[in-house]
Amino acid sequence: MVGEGIYNAELFHSDYKVYMGDRNYKLTGVTRGGGGVVLAVRTDFRVEQITFSDIADNDCDYLWLKIKLPNQIEKLHVAIFYFPPNKSNDICTYVRDILTLQMA
């Protein structure tokens, strides 16, 4: 389900698998719906979802996928981050540093 009462099949073709980085409402204290990030990837691609235990659920919404395309040796890294407007620049700098280390 993409959202409450909204199913993946209503928005995405069955040839795609949906990956979501949902917002944690309990940690953020947000009471209204919405938030999070989403990416749909063709089902014939091999996908590994990467998570970071040191990025707290209330710091940012994110989704990081390593995608193995057919007939390719290298994997494609796709990272989506949403930083709420009230967050300090420290988390942005921290995530940038993680990305730099992972891609080195």
N, C-alpha and C. Protein backbone atom coordinates (compact mmCIF):
# COMPACT_ATOMS: atom_id res chain seq x y z
N MET A 1 0.83 -1.18 0.00
CA MET A 1 0.00 0.00 0.00
C MET A 1 0.88 1.25 0.00
N VAL A 2 0.54 2.17 -0.84
CA VAL A 2 1.26 3.43 -0.91
C VAL A 2 0.83 4.34 0.23
N GLY A 3 -0.43 4.35 0.51
CA GLY A 3 -0.99 5.17 1.59
C GLY A 3 -2.24 4.50 2.08
N GLU A 4 -2.84 5.08 3.09
CA GLU A 4 -4.05 4.48 3.66
C GLU A 4 -5.14 4.42 2.59
N GLY A 5 -5.55 3.21 2.25
CA GLY A 5 -6.59 3.01 1.26
C GLY A 5 -6.13 3.15 -0.19
N ILE A 6 -4.83 3.35 -0.41
CA ILE A 6 -4.30 3.47 -1.78
C ILE A 6 -3.34 2.31 -2.02
N TYR A 7 -3.67 1.46 -2.95
CA TYR A 7 -2.86 0.28 -3.23
C TYR A 7 -1.88 0.55 -4.37
N ASN A 8 -0.75 -0.14 -4.32
CA ASN A 8 0.29 0.02 -5.34
C ASN A 8 -0.29 -0.12 -6.75
N ALA A 9 -1.17 -1.10 -6.95
CA ALA A 9 -1.72 -1.38 -8.28
C ALA A 9 -2.54 -0.22 -8.83
N GLU A 10 -3.01 0.68 -7.97
CA GLU A 10 -3.77 1.83 -8.44
C GLU A 10 -2.87 2.89 -9.07
N LEU A 11 -1.59 2.89 -8.70
CA LEU A 11 -0.67 3.92 -9.17
C LEU A 11 0.44 3.39 -10.07
N PHE A 12 0.78 2.11 -9.91
CA PHE A 12 1.93 1.55 -10.62
C PHE A 12 1.54 0.29 -11.37
N HIS A 13 2.11 0.10 -12.52
CA HIS A 13 1.90 -1.09 -13.32
C HIS A 13 2.48 -2.30 -12.58
N SER A 14 1.95 -3.47 -12.84
CA SER A 14 2.40 -4.69 -12.15
C SER A 14 3.83 -5.08 -12.51
N ASP A 15 4.40 -4.45 -13.54
CA ASP A 15 5.80 -4.71 -13.90
C ASP A 15 6.77 -3.98 -12.99
N TYR A 16 6.27 -3.25 -11.99
CA TYR A 16 7.10 -2.47 -11.09
C TYR A 16 6.88 -2.88 -9.64
N LYS A 17 7.97 -2.92 -8.89
CA LYS A 17 7.90 -3.14 -7.45
C LYS A 17 8.10 -1.77 -6.79
N VAL A 18 7.31 -1.50 -5.77
CA VAL A 18 7.33 -0.20 -5.10
C VAL A 18 8.15 -0.30 -3.82
N TYR A 19 9.10 0.62 -3.66
CA TYR A 19 9.92 0.73 -2.46
C TYR A 19 9.58 2.05 -1.79
N MET A 20 9.40 1.99 -0.47
CA MET A 20 8.99 3.20 0.25
C MET A 20 9.88 3.43 1.47
N GLY A 21 10.13 4.68 1.73
CA GLY A 21 10.75 5.11 2.97
C GLY A 21 9.71 5.94 3.69
N ASP A 22 8.91 5.28 4.51
CA ASP A 22 7.78 5.94 5.16
C ASP A 22 8.23 6.80 6.34
N ARG A 23 7.50 7.85 6.58
CA ARG A 23 7.75 8.72 7.73
C ARG A 23 7.25 8.01 8.99
N ASN A 24 8.04 8.10 10.05
CA ASN A 24 7.67 7.53 11.34
C ASN A 24 6.94 8.60 12.15
N TYR A 25 5.62 8.53 12.17
CA TYR A 25 4.81 9.56 12.81
C TYR A 25 4.98 9.58 14.33
N LYS A 26 5.21 8.43 14.93
CA LYS A 26 5.39 8.39 16.39
C LYS A 26 6.65 9.15 16.82
N LEU A 27 7.74 8.98 16.06
CA LEU A 27 8.99 9.66 16.41
C LEU A 27 8.97 11.14 16.06
N THR A 28 8.33 11.48 14.94
CA THR A 28 8.36 12.87 14.49
C THR A 28 7.33 13.73 15.20
N GLY A 29 6.30 13.11 15.76
CA GLY A 29 5.25 13.87 16.41
C GLY A 29 4.27 14.50 15.43
N VAL A 30 4.41 14.19 14.15
CA VAL A 30 3.51 14.72 13.12
C VAL A 30 2.18 14.01 13.23
N THR A 31 1.10 14.76 13.20
CA THR A 31 -0.22 14.14 13.34
C THR A 31 -0.97 14.04 12.02
N ARG A 32 -0.56 14.79 11.02
CA ARG A 32 -1.26 14.72 9.73
C ARG A 32 -0.58 13.69 8.84
N GLY A 33 -1.32 13.19 7.86
CA GLY A 33 -0.78 12.19 6.95
C GLY A 33 0.18 12.79 5.94
N GLY A 34 0.83 11.91 5.19
CA GLY A 34 1.76 12.36 4.16
C GLY A 34 3.19 12.12 4.58
N GLY A 35 4.08 12.48 3.70
CA GLY A 35 5.50 12.32 4.01
C GLY A 35 6.04 11.01 3.50
N GLY A 36 7.35 10.91 3.54
CA GLY A 36 8.02 9.73 3.06
C GLY A 36 8.46 9.89 1.61
N VAL A 37 9.16 8.89 1.13
CA VAL A 37 9.66 8.89 -0.25
C VAL A 37 9.31 7.55 -0.88
N VAL A 38 9.21 7.53 -2.21
CA VAL A 38 8.82 6.31 -2.91
C VAL A 38 9.56 6.23 -4.24
N LEU A 39 9.86 5.00 -4.64
CA LEU A 39 10.47 4.75 -5.94
C LEU A 39 9.94 3.43 -6.47
N ALA A 40 9.55 3.40 -7.72
CA ALA A 40 9.08 2.18 -8.38
C ALA A 40 10.17 1.70 -9.33
N VAL A 41 10.51 0.41 -9.24
CA VAL A 41 11.58 -0.18 -10.04
C VAL A 41 11.02 -1.39 -10.78
N ARG A 42 11.40 -1.52 -12.04
CA ARG A 42 10.94 -2.68 -12.82
C ARG A 42 11.28 -3.98 -12.11
N THR A 43 10.39 -4.93 -12.18
CA THR A 43 10.57 -6.20 -11.46
C THR A 43 11.69 -7.06 -12.02
N ASP A 44 12.14 -6.80 -13.24
CA ASP A 44 13.23 -7.61 -13.78
C ASP A 44 14.61 -7.10 -13.36
N PHE A 45 14.66 -6.04 -12.56
CA PHE A 45 15.91 -5.54 -12.00
C PHE A 45 16.10 -6.14 -10.61
N ARG A 46 17.32 -6.55 -10.30
CA ARG A 46 17.64 -7.00 -8.94
C ARG A 46 17.91 -5.79 -8.07
N VAL A 47 17.26 -5.73 -6.92
CA VAL A 47 17.35 -4.55 -6.08
C VAL A 47 17.76 -4.93 -4.66
N GLU A 48 18.67 -4.15 -4.11
CA GLU A 48 19.06 -4.28 -2.71
C GLU A 48 18.76 -2.95 -2.03
N GLN A 49 17.94 -2.99 -0.98
CA GLN A 49 17.62 -1.77 -0.25
C GLN A 49 18.63 -1.60 0.88
N ILE A 50 19.21 -0.40 0.96
CA ILE A 50 20.23 -0.10 1.95
C ILE A 50 19.60 0.73 3.07
N THR A 51 19.86 0.35 4.31
CA THR A 51 19.38 1.13 5.45
C THR A 51 20.56 1.49 6.33
N PHE A 52 20.42 2.58 7.03
CA PHE A 52 21.45 3.05 7.94
C PHE A 52 20.85 3.18 9.33
N SER A 53 21.35 2.38 10.26
CA SER A 53 20.80 2.40 11.61
C SER A 53 21.12 3.70 12.33
N ASP A 54 22.15 4.41 11.89
CA ASP A 54 22.53 5.64 12.57
C ASP A 54 21.84 6.89 12.02
N ILE A 55 20.96 6.72 11.05
CA ILE A 55 20.10 7.83 10.63
C ILE A 55 18.74 7.56 11.27
N ALA A 56 18.43 8.33 12.29
CA ALA A 56 17.18 8.12 13.03
C ALA A 56 15.99 8.40 12.13
N ASP A 57 14.89 7.70 12.42
CA ASP A 57 13.68 7.87 11.63
C ASP A 57 13.15 9.30 11.66
N ASN A 58 13.50 10.06 12.68
CA ASN A 58 12.97 11.42 12.75
C ASN A 58 13.92 12.45 12.15
N ASP A 59 15.07 12.02 11.62
CA ASP A 59 16.01 12.96 11.02
C ASP A 59 15.61 13.33 9.59
N CYS A 60 15.26 12.32 8.80
CA CYS A 60 14.87 12.58 7.42
C CYS A 60 14.17 11.34 6.88
N ASP A 61 13.45 11.53 5.79
CA ASP A 61 12.84 10.41 5.07
C ASP A 61 13.82 10.04 3.96
N TYR A 62 14.14 8.76 3.84
CA TYR A 62 15.08 8.39 2.79
C TYR A 62 14.83 6.99 2.26
N LEU A 63 15.38 6.77 1.09
CA LEU A 63 15.31 5.48 0.42
C LEU A 63 16.59 5.37 -0.39
N TRP A 64 17.33 4.29 -0.20
CA TRP A 64 18.57 4.07 -0.95
C TRP A 64 18.51 2.68 -1.53
N LEU A 65 18.61 2.60 -2.84
CA LEU A 65 18.56 1.31 -3.53
C LEU A 65 19.81 1.12 -4.38
N LYS A 66 20.32 -0.11 -4.38
CA LYS A 66 21.34 -0.52 -5.35
C LYS A 66 20.62 -1.40 -6.35
N ILE A 67 20.65 -1.00 -7.60
CA ILE A 67 19.89 -1.67 -8.65
C ILE A 67 20.84 -2.30 -9.65
N LYS A 68 20.69 -3.60 -9.86
CA LYS A 68 21.48 -4.34 -10.85
C LYS A 68 20.66 -4.41 -12.12
N LEU A 69 21.11 -3.67 -13.12
CA LEU A 69 20.41 -3.66 -14.40
C LEU A 69 20.78 -4.90 -15.20
N PRO A 70 19.87 -5.42 -16.01
CA PRO A 70 20.19 -6.59 -16.84
C PRO A 70 21.39 -6.32 -17.75
N ASN A 71 22.25 -7.31 -17.86
CA ASN A 71 23.42 -7.26 -18.74
C ASN A 71 24.43 -6.18 -18.36
N GLN A 72 24.42 -5.75 -17.12
CA GLN A 72 25.38 -4.75 -16.64
C GLN A 72 26.15 -5.33 -15.45
N ILE A 73 27.42 -5.00 -15.35
CA ILE A 73 28.24 -5.47 -14.23
C ILE A 73 28.05 -4.57 -13.02
N GLU A 74 28.11 -3.27 -13.25
CA GLU A 74 28.01 -2.30 -12.16
C GLU A 74 26.56 -2.15 -11.70
N LYS A 75 26.41 -1.76 -10.45
CA LYS A 75 25.08 -1.47 -9.90
C LYS A 75 24.84 0.03 -9.91
N LEU A 76 23.60 0.39 -10.13
CA LEU A 76 23.17 1.78 -10.11
C LEU A 76 22.70 2.10 -8.70
N HIS A 77 23.26 3.14 -8.09
CA HIS A 77 22.82 3.59 -6.78
C HIS A 77 21.82 4.72 -6.95
N VAL A 78 20.66 4.57 -6.32
CA VAL A 78 19.65 5.63 -6.34
C VAL A 78 19.32 5.95 -4.90
N ALA A 79 19.52 7.20 -4.53
CA ALA A 79 19.24 7.63 -3.16
C ALA A 79 18.30 8.83 -3.21
N ILE A 80 17.23 8.75 -2.43
CA ILE A 80 16.25 9.82 -2.34
C ILE A 80 16.18 10.24 -0.87
N PHE A 81 16.37 11.51 -0.61
CA PHE A 81 16.30 12.02 0.76
C PHE A 81 15.35 13.22 0.79
N TYR A 82 14.57 13.27 1.86
CA TYR A 82 13.75 14.45 2.13
C TYR A 82 14.10 14.95 3.52
N PHE A 83 14.55 16.19 3.59
CA PHE A 83 14.90 16.81 4.87
C PHE A 83 13.81 17.83 5.20
N PRO A 84 13.08 17.60 6.30
CA PRO A 84 12.04 18.57 6.68
C PRO A 84 12.65 19.95 6.90
N PRO A 85 11.89 20.99 6.65
CA PRO A 85 12.43 22.35 6.76
C PRO A 85 12.94 22.71 8.15
N ASN A 86 12.44 22.08 9.19
CA ASN A 86 12.84 22.45 10.55
C ASN A 86 14.08 21.71 11.05
N LYS A 87 14.71 20.93 10.20
CA LYS A 87 15.91 20.17 10.61
C LYS A 87 17.16 21.02 10.45
N SER A 88 18.14 20.77 11.31
CA SER A 88 19.39 21.51 11.23
C SER A 88 20.21 21.02 10.03
N ASN A 89 21.17 21.81 9.64
CA ASN A 89 22.05 21.44 8.54
C ASN A 89 22.98 20.29 8.93
N ASP A 90 23.08 20.00 10.22
CA ASP A 90 23.96 18.92 10.67
C ASP A 90 23.59 17.58 10.04
N ILE A 91 22.29 17.28 9.96
CA ILE A 91 21.88 15.99 9.39
C ILE A 91 22.18 15.96 7.89
N CYS A 92 22.04 17.08 7.21
CA CYS A 92 22.38 17.14 5.78
C CYS A 92 23.86 16.86 5.57
N THR A 93 24.69 17.46 6.40
CA THR A 93 26.13 17.26 6.31
C THR A 93 26.48 15.81 6.62
N TYR A 94 25.84 15.26 7.64
CA TYR A 94 26.09 13.88 8.04
C TYR A 94 25.73 12.91 6.90
N VAL A 95 24.57 13.10 6.30
CA VAL A 95 24.13 12.23 5.20
C VAL A 95 25.07 12.38 4.01
N ARG A 96 25.49 13.60 3.71
CA ARG A 96 26.46 13.81 2.62
C ARG A 96 27.73 13.02 2.87
N ASP A 97 28.20 13.02 4.13
CA ASP A 97 29.41 12.28 4.48
C ASP A 97 29.22 10.77 4.31
N ILE A 98 28.05 10.27 4.68
CA ILE A 98 27.74 8.84 4.51
C ILE A 98 27.74 8.49 3.02
N LEU A 99 27.10 9.33 2.22
CA LEU A 99 27.06 9.08 0.77
C LEU A 99 28.47 9.07 0.18
N THR A 100 29.28 9.98 0.61
CA THR A 100 30.65 10.07 0.11
C THR A 100 31.43 8.79 0.45
N LEU A 101 31.28 8.32 1.69
CA LEU A 101 31.97 7.09 2.10
C LEU A 101 31.47 5.87 1.35
N GLN A 102 30.16 5.77 1.16
CA GLN A 102 29.58 4.62 0.48
C GLN A 102 29.97 4.56 -0.98
N MET A 103 30.15 5.70 -1.61
CA MET A 103 30.43 5.73 -3.04
C MET A 103 31.94 5.71 -3.34
N ALA A 104 32.78 5.79 -2.30
CA ALA A 104 34.24 5.80 -2.51
C ALA A 104 34.75 4.44 -2.93
